Amino acid sequence: MSQPLALWYTRCSIPTPLGVGAQLGFYRDEFAGDGIAIQSLQESSDPAQQASHFEHTLPHSFRLGGAVPPIWARARGQDTRVIAISWIDEYQAIIALPGSGIHAPKDLKGRRLGLPVRADRADRPESVDVARASALRGFLVALELAGLGQDDAQWVDIAGRKRGADASVAAPDTAVRRKHPHSYTEAALALVRGEVDAIYVKDVRGAETAHLLGAQVVVDLGFHPDSYVRINNCAPRPLTINGATLREHPELVRRFLSRVVDVGAWARRNPAQAVTQIAAETNWTEPWVRFAYGNDVHEHLGVDLSERSVRGLTVFKDFLLKHGFLKADFSIADWIEPQPLASLEQRAQSAEAVAA
């Protein structure tokens, strides 16, 4: 079978070993001698190719980002496989305005909790609302910490703004194509206007929002000691590949994965440079990266298929199914193909044995 002319990759504007590896040129260097082009969906202007970030329809493409889209695509029958999982904890919080009387999860009882609604939901009812799923998971976990449930709060929809609806608020184009309003613009406005009592925020953009508002952090979910509380779209994140590519070109998949794995070791050796690369990848400053992801973020740029990671992915899939974000169930265990990562680990062990 002839080799592909190009391998595609896509990631979110968040710290991922896949994205850092691209910044470092690992994939380009790996396949330069094969005549295989390495292409990023983030640099494509083709809407069909861009849609693959959520639907994973583009042949020979790797994806590492938020967990909602790949789980949703798999539930719809998309032929993908998980070859590794990344778990990088990040800032996640439920916030309220100062003076609201909401200081802890128990204070959310009876309050109006804001749930974002994707702006194009009416135009694309079949697609998944990532922000809504993330916020609902965050709120329900916060309520659970206080022994409360979904019926103990009021739920208020926060309508999103359609892209391009107000060009005056769009930021200049950057390496990560940040051309749209801030992620929490509508949620923050709803909070300030008194339309809701609390909102869910995450990553640097969420931390910025909390800082700007001088908000009360009701609960820190992102760095909670219980990993169950931290599970959301942001953690754990699966690294997926088209099933056909894995079956037809397993060695190419193994080689690409090997360079993703290399990022973890490189970051541990180069902690300061790792943060610099993450800042370049995400278009955030290094202090904000450290605040939102921890001073030890360089220690967490590896991938694995550990029991904790697989369980976390299962917990999140079950949540999405229970709350109507998926149309069908599937087995996480069957979705995972451990062989590529296992073969890399076996080779590393053999090399260590020879060196010893």
Protein backbone atom coordinates (compact mmCIF):
# COMPACT_ATOMS: atom_id res chain seq x y z
CA MET A 1 0.00 0.00 0.00
CA SER A 2 1.39 3.39 -1.03
CA GLN A 3 2.26 5.77 1.75
CA PRO A 4 0.20 8.94 2.25
CA LEU A 5 1.45 12.19 0.74
CA ALA A 6 0.69 14.07 3.96
CA LEU A 7 0.03 13.51 7.63
CA TRP A 8 -2.31 16.00 9.28
CA TYR A 9 -2.46 17.01 12.90
CA THR A 10 -4.80 19.20 14.92
CA ARG A 11 -4.83 20.42 18.49
CA CYS A 12 -6.59 23.07 20.55
CA SER A 13 -4.94 26.29 21.71
CA ILE A 14 -3.93 24.62 24.96
CA PRO A 15 -0.77 22.90 26.16
CA THR A 16 -0.47 19.51 24.46
CA PRO A 17 2.59 17.37 23.73
CA LEU A 18 1.38 17.15 20.13
CA GLY A 19 1.37 20.94 19.77
CA VAL A 20 4.74 21.39 21.45
CA GLY A 21 6.20 18.70 19.20
CA ALA A 22 4.96 20.63 16.18
CA GLN A 23 6.55 23.82 17.55
CA LEU A 24 9.85 21.98 17.87
CA GLY A 25 9.66 20.53 14.36
CA PHE A 26 9.69 16.93 15.58
CA TYR A 27 7.21 15.58 12.98
CA ARG A 28 8.72 17.50 10.08
CA ASP A 29 12.16 16.15 10.95
CA GLU A 30 10.89 12.60 11.43
CA PHE A 31 9.29 12.36 8.00
CA ALA A 32 11.50 14.68 5.94
CA GLY A 33 13.28 11.73 4.35
CA ASP A 34 10.01 10.03 3.41
CA GLY A 35 8.66 12.87 1.32
CA ILE A 36 5.59 13.07 3.58
CA ALA A 37 4.31 16.58 4.23
CA ILE A 38 3.27 17.48 7.79
CA GLN A 39 0.24 19.75 7.75
CA SER A 40 -1.78 21.47 10.47
CA LEU A 41 -5.54 21.89 10.32
CA GLN A 42 -5.10 25.21 12.12
CA GLU A 43 -3.30 26.51 9.04
CA SER A 44 -5.93 25.31 6.57
CA SER A 45 -8.50 27.64 5.05
CA ASP A 46 -10.65 24.78 3.75
CA PRO A 47 -13.88 24.58 5.83
CA ALA A 48 -14.18 20.83 5.19
CA GLN A 49 -10.68 20.24 6.51
CA GLN A 50 -11.26 22.54 9.48
CA ALA A 51 -14.42 20.60 10.37
CA SER A 52 -12.28 17.52 10.87
CA HIS A 53 -11.03 19.05 14.13
CA PHE A 54 -14.45 18.14 15.55
CA GLU A 55 -15.56 15.31 13.27
CA HIS A 56 -12.21 13.59 12.56
CA THR A 57 -13.10 12.89 8.93
CA LEU A 58 -9.81 13.88 7.27
CA PRO A 59 -7.70 10.83 6.32
CA HIS A 60 -4.30 10.36 7.95
CA SER A 61 -4.95 12.87 10.73
CA PHE A 62 -3.90 12.92 14.38
CA ARG A 63 -5.88 14.86 16.96
CA LEU A 64 -5.04 15.82 20.54
CA GLY A 65 -7.32 18.31 22.24
CA GLY A 66 -10.50 18.54 24.26
CA ALA A 67 -12.21 15.21 24.86
CA VAL A 68 -15.77 16.13 23.88
CA PRO A 69 -15.37 16.20 20.06
CA PRO A 70 -13.50 12.89 19.64
CA ILE A 71 -15.89 11.09 22.01
CA TRP A 72 -18.87 12.59 20.16
CA ALA A 73 -17.41 11.62 16.77
CA ARG A 74 -16.78 8.05 17.93
CA ALA A 75 -20.33 7.78 19.27
CA ARG A 76 -21.56 8.76 15.80
CA GLY A 77 -19.61 5.85 14.33
CA GLN A 78 -16.45 7.61 13.16
CA ASP A 79 -13.63 5.11 12.65
CA THR A 80 -10.98 6.42 15.04
CA ARG A 81 -8.72 4.85 17.63
CA VAL A 82 -7.11 6.21 20.78
CA ILE A 83 -3.37 5.55 20.79
CA ALA A 84 -2.44 7.58 23.88
CA ILE A 85 -3.94 9.89 26.49
CA SER A 86 -2.64 13.21 27.82
CA TRP A 87 -3.59 14.49 31.27
CA ILE A 88 -2.58 18.09 31.94
CA ASP A 89 -4.55 19.66 34.78
CA GLU A 90 -5.58 23.25 34.24
CA TYR A 91 -7.41 26.09 35.92
CA GLN A 92 -11.11 25.24 36.26
CA ALA A 93 -13.38 27.09 38.63
CA ILE A 94 -16.89 28.07 39.49
CA ILE A 95 -16.91 31.81 40.07
CA ALA A 96 -19.41 34.34 41.41
CA LEU A 97 -19.36 38.07 41.94
CA PRO A 98 -18.09 39.40 45.26
CA GLY A 99 -20.99 40.20 47.54
CA SER A 100 -23.14 37.44 46.04
CA GLY A 101 -23.02 35.39 49.22
CA ILE A 102 -21.70 32.42 47.24
CA HIS A 103 -18.47 31.29 48.86
CA ALA A 104 -18.60 27.49 48.69
CA PRO A 105 -20.39 24.76 46.72
CA LYS A 106 -23.16 24.52 49.31
CA ASP A 107 -24.07 28.15 48.52
CA LEU A 108 -25.01 27.16 44.95
CA LYS A 109 -28.25 25.64 46.20
CA GLY A 110 -31.20 27.42 44.65
CA ARG A 111 -28.95 29.75 42.66
CA ARG A 112 -29.05 30.53 38.93
CA LEU A 113 -26.19 28.73 37.22
CA GLY A 114 -25.24 29.87 33.73
CA LEU A 115 -24.94 27.29 30.94
CA PRO A 116 -23.60 28.52 27.59
CA VAL A 117 -25.53 27.70 24.43
CA ARG A 118 -23.63 27.47 21.16
CA ALA A 119 -24.58 30.35 18.87
CA ASP A 120 -25.13 28.14 15.82
CA ARG A 121 -27.15 25.45 17.60
CA ALA A 122 -30.23 26.20 15.48
CA ASP A 123 -28.19 25.94 12.26
CA ARG A 124 -26.27 22.82 13.30
CA PRO A 125 -28.43 20.92 15.79
CA GLU A 126 -26.51 17.70 15.11
CA SER A 127 -23.18 19.03 16.38
CA VAL A 128 -22.05 18.93 20.00
CA ASP A 129 -21.91 21.93 22.33
CA VAL A 130 -18.47 21.64 23.92
CA ALA A 131 -18.73 24.69 26.18
CA ARG A 132 -22.13 23.64 27.53
CA ALA A 133 -20.93 20.10 28.26
CA SER A 134 -17.86 21.45 30.07
CA ALA A 135 -19.84 23.91 32.18
CA LEU A 136 -22.50 21.36 33.10
CA ARG A 137 -19.87 18.86 34.21
CA GLY A 138 -18.11 21.52 36.28
CA PHE A 139 -21.31 22.65 37.99
CA LEU A 140 -22.57 19.13 38.70
CA VAL A 141 -19.26 18.12 40.26
CA ALA A 142 -19.30 21.28 42.38
CA LEU A 143 -22.84 20.51 43.55
CA GLU A 144 -21.86 16.91 44.25
CA LEU A 145 -19.07 18.11 46.55
CA ALA A 146 -21.78 19.70 48.71
CA GLY A 147 -24.08 16.68 48.60
CA LEU A 148 -26.37 18.44 46.11
CA GLY A 149 -27.73 17.45 42.72
CA GLN A 150 -28.91 18.94 39.45
CA ASP A 151 -32.40 19.67 40.79
CA ASP A 152 -30.99 21.74 43.65
CA ALA A 153 -30.09 24.65 41.36
CA GLN A 154 -31.73 26.79 38.70
CA TRP A 155 -30.27 26.55 35.20
CA VAL A 156 -30.10 29.56 32.91
CA ASP A 157 -29.04 29.45 29.26
CA ILE A 158 -26.43 31.98 28.14
CA ALA A 159 -26.67 32.51 24.40
CA GLY A 160 -23.38 32.65 22.56
CA ARG A 161 -22.41 35.27 20.04
CA LYS A 162 -22.20 34.22 16.41
CA ARG A 163 -18.74 34.51 14.94
CA GLY A 164 -18.29 37.69 12.99
CA ALA A 165 -21.35 39.27 14.63
CA ASP A 166 -19.24 42.13 16.00
CA ALA A 167 -15.93 42.64 14.27
CA SER A 168 -14.99 45.39 16.70
CA VAL A 169 -14.31 42.90 19.47
CA ALA A 170 -12.26 40.49 17.39
CA ALA A 171 -8.56 40.29 18.17
CA PRO A 172 -5.92 40.50 15.42
CA ASP A 173 -5.05 37.26 13.69
CA THR A 174 -2.26 35.31 15.37
CA ALA A 175 -0.43 32.03 14.99
CA VAL A 176 -3.37 30.29 16.68
CA ARG A 177 -5.97 32.11 14.55
CA ARG A 178 -7.55 33.90 17.50
CA LYS A 179 -9.99 36.06 15.57
CA HIS A 180 -13.15 35.68 17.64
CA PRO A 181 -14.52 37.18 20.87
CA HIS A 182 -13.14 36.02 24.20
CA SER A 183 -14.49 32.62 25.30
CA TYR A 184 -16.22 34.03 28.39
CA THR A 185 -17.52 37.35 27.04
CA GLU A 186 -21.20 36.35 27.16
CA ALA A 187 -20.92 34.46 30.44
CA ALA A 188 -19.13 37.35 32.14
CA LEU A 189 -21.73 39.82 30.85
CA ALA A 190 -24.55 37.61 32.13
CA LEU A 191 -22.88 37.48 35.54
CA VAL A 192 -22.31 41.23 35.71
CA ARG A 193 -25.85 41.98 34.54
CA GLY A 194 -27.26 39.81 37.31
CA GLU A 195 -28.83 37.33 34.91
CA VAL A 196 -26.97 34.44 36.55
CA ASP A 197 -25.33 33.94 39.94
CA ALA A 198 -22.36 31.78 38.96
CA ILE A 199 -20.46 30.64 35.87
CA TYR A 200 -17.88 27.98 35.01
CA VAL A 201 -14.53 29.09 33.59
CA LYS A 202 -11.34 27.31 32.59
CA ASP A 203 -7.77 27.74 31.32
CA VAL A 204 -6.01 31.09 30.99
CA ARG A 205 -9.11 32.74 29.56
CA GLY A 206 -11.11 31.68 32.59
CA ALA A 207 -8.42 32.86 34.97
CA GLU A 208 -8.31 36.21 33.15
CA THR A 209 -12.07 36.51 33.52
CA ALA A 210 -11.99 35.78 37.24
CA HIS A 211 -9.17 38.27 37.73
CA LEU A 212 -10.91 41.00 35.72
CA LEU A 213 -14.13 40.63 37.71
CA GLY A 214 -12.39 40.32 41.06
CA ALA A 215 -14.55 37.23 41.31
CA GLN A 216 -15.15 34.94 44.26
CA VAL A 217 -13.77 31.48 43.44
CA VAL A 218 -16.53 29.23 44.74
CA VAL A 219 -14.53 26.06 44.13
CA ASP A 220 -11.20 25.28 42.48
CA LEU A 221 -11.95 22.24 40.32
CA GLY A 222 -8.82 22.15 38.19
CA PHE A 223 -6.36 21.43 40.99
CA HIS A 224 -8.67 19.62 43.39
CA PRO A 225 -6.89 16.71 45.13
CA ASP A 226 -9.49 14.22 43.83
CA SER A 227 -8.78 13.45 40.16
CA TYR A 228 -12.48 12.61 39.65
CA VAL A 229 -13.32 16.27 40.31
CA ARG A 230 -10.79 17.41 37.69
CA ILE A 231 -12.24 15.26 34.88
CA ASN A 232 -13.75 17.36 32.11
CA ASN A 233 -13.24 18.23 28.46
CA CYS A 234 -9.74 19.39 29.39
CA ALA A 235 -8.54 16.29 31.24
CA PRO A 236 -7.94 13.63 30.18
CA ARG A 237 -7.51 14.27 26.45
CA PRO A 238 -7.26 11.39 23.94
CA LEU A 239 -4.77 11.29 21.08
CA THR A 240 -6.75 9.83 18.18
CA ILE A 241 -5.91 8.62 14.68
CA ASN A 242 -8.06 7.40 11.81
CA GLY A 243 -8.66 3.67 12.08
CA ALA A 244 -7.79 3.10 8.41
CA THR A 245 -4.44 4.84 8.81
CA LEU A 246 -3.60 2.70 11.82
CA ARG A 247 -4.49 -0.49 9.97
CA GLU A 248 -2.77 0.40 6.71
CA HIS A 249 0.26 2.32 7.97
CA PRO A 250 0.99 1.15 11.53
CA GLU A 251 4.70 2.02 11.29
CA LEU A 252 3.95 5.61 10.30
CA VAL A 253 1.58 5.90 13.25
CA ARG A 254 4.20 4.44 15.58
CA ARG A 255 6.83 6.88 14.32
CA PHE A 256 4.54 9.89 14.73
CA LEU A 257 3.56 8.74 18.22
CA SER A 258 7.22 8.25 19.12
CA ARG A 259 7.86 11.96 18.51
CA VAL A 260 4.83 12.91 20.64
CA VAL A 261 6.28 10.72 23.39
CA ASP A 262 9.66 12.43 22.96
CA VAL A 263 8.09 15.73 23.99
CA GLY A 264 7.57 14.53 27.56
CA ALA A 265 11.25 13.70 28.06
CA TRP A 266 12.37 16.88 26.28
CA ALA A 267 10.14 19.04 28.50
CA ARG A 268 11.47 17.47 31.69
CA ARG A 269 15.01 18.26 30.55
CA ASN A 270 14.11 21.79 29.44
CA PRO A 271 11.48 23.13 31.86
CA ALA A 272 11.90 26.83 31.08
CA GLN A 273 11.94 26.27 27.35
CA ALA A 274 8.87 24.05 27.62
CA VAL A 275 6.89 26.92 29.14
CA THR A 276 8.19 29.24 26.41
CA GLN A 277 7.00 26.81 23.76
CA ILE A 278 3.60 26.46 25.42
CA ALA A 279 3.28 30.25 25.49
CA ALA A 280 4.08 30.42 21.79
CA GLU A 281 1.66 27.58 21.04
CA THR A 282 -1.24 29.10 22.98
CA ASN A 283 -0.53 32.83 22.49
CA TRP A 284 -0.59 33.36 26.27
CA THR A 285 2.16 34.88 28.39
CA GLU A 286 4.44 32.61 30.37
CA PRO A 287 3.22 33.87 33.79
CA TRP A 288 -0.38 33.10 32.80
CA VAL A 289 0.66 29.65 31.53
CA ARG A 290 2.28 28.90 34.89
CA PHE A 291 -0.74 30.21 36.78
CA ALA A 292 -3.29 28.22 34.78
CA TYR A 293 -1.29 25.00 34.44
CA GLY A 294 1.08 25.05 37.40
CA ASN A 295 4.79 25.67 37.76
CA ASP A 296 5.37 21.97 37.07
CA VAL A 297 3.49 21.89 33.75
CA HIS A 298 6.69 20.69 32.08
CA GLU A 299 6.36 17.48 34.10
CA HIS A 300 2.99 16.67 32.54
CA LEU A 301 3.61 16.78 28.80
CA GLY A 302 3.84 13.02 28.51
CA VAL A 303 1.22 10.57 27.26
CA ASP A 304 0.15 7.18 28.58
CA LEU A 305 -2.64 4.63 28.66
CA SER A 306 -2.63 4.28 32.43
CA GLU A 307 -5.57 2.97 34.40
CA ARG A 308 -6.25 6.47 35.74
CA SER A 309 -6.32 8.01 32.26
CA VAL A 310 -8.56 5.31 30.79
CA ARG A 311 -10.90 5.49 33.78
CA GLY A 312 -11.07 9.28 33.48
CA LEU A 313 -11.99 9.05 29.81
CA THR A 314 -14.66 6.48 30.66
CA VAL A 315 -16.13 8.66 33.42
CA PHE A 316 -16.36 11.60 31.05
CA LYS A 317 -17.88 9.55 28.22
CA ASP A 318 -20.52 8.22 30.62
CA PHE A 319 -21.30 11.78 31.73
CA LEU A 320 -21.78 12.94 28.12
CA LEU A 321 -24.06 10.00 27.41
CA LYS A 322 -26.16 10.46 30.55
CA HIS A 323 -26.78 14.14 29.82
CA GLY A 324 -27.70 13.78 26.18
CA PHE A 325 -24.55 14.96 24.44
CA LEU A 326 -24.10 11.57 22.75
CA LYS A 327 -26.63 9.69 20.62
CA ALA A 328 -25.14 6.25 21.28
CA ASP A 329 -22.91 4.48 23.76
CA PHE A 330 -19.63 2.73 23.01
CA SER A 331 -16.81 1.04 24.89
CA ILE A 332 -13.76 3.14 25.75
CA ALA A 333 -11.75 -0.08 26.14
CA ASP A 334 -12.62 -1.09 22.57
CA TRP A 335 -11.78 2.40 21.31
CA ILE A 336 -8.22 2.19 22.61
CA GLU A 337 -5.46 0.56 20.56
CA PRO A 338 -2.53 0.03 22.96
CA GLN A 339 -0.13 -1.62 20.52
CA PRO A 340 1.69 1.48 19.14
CA LEU A 341 2.50 2.85 22.59
CA ALA A 342 3.31 -0.60 23.94
CA SER A 343 5.77 -1.20 21.09
CA LEU A 344 7.54 2.07 21.89
CA GLU A 345 7.80 1.13 25.55
CA GLN A 346 9.16 -2.32 24.65
CA ARG A 347 11.81 -0.79 22.39
CA ALA A 348 12.83 1.65 25.10
CA GLN A 349 13.17 -1.17 27.62
CA SER A 350 15.25 -3.20 25.17
CA ALA A 351 17.54 -0.25 24.53
CA GLU A 352 18.01 0.29 28.26
CA ALA A 353 18.85 -3.39 28.72
CA VAL A 354 21.47 -3.25 25.98
CA ALA A 355 22.97 -0.06 27.41
CA ALA A 356 23.18 -1.65 30.86
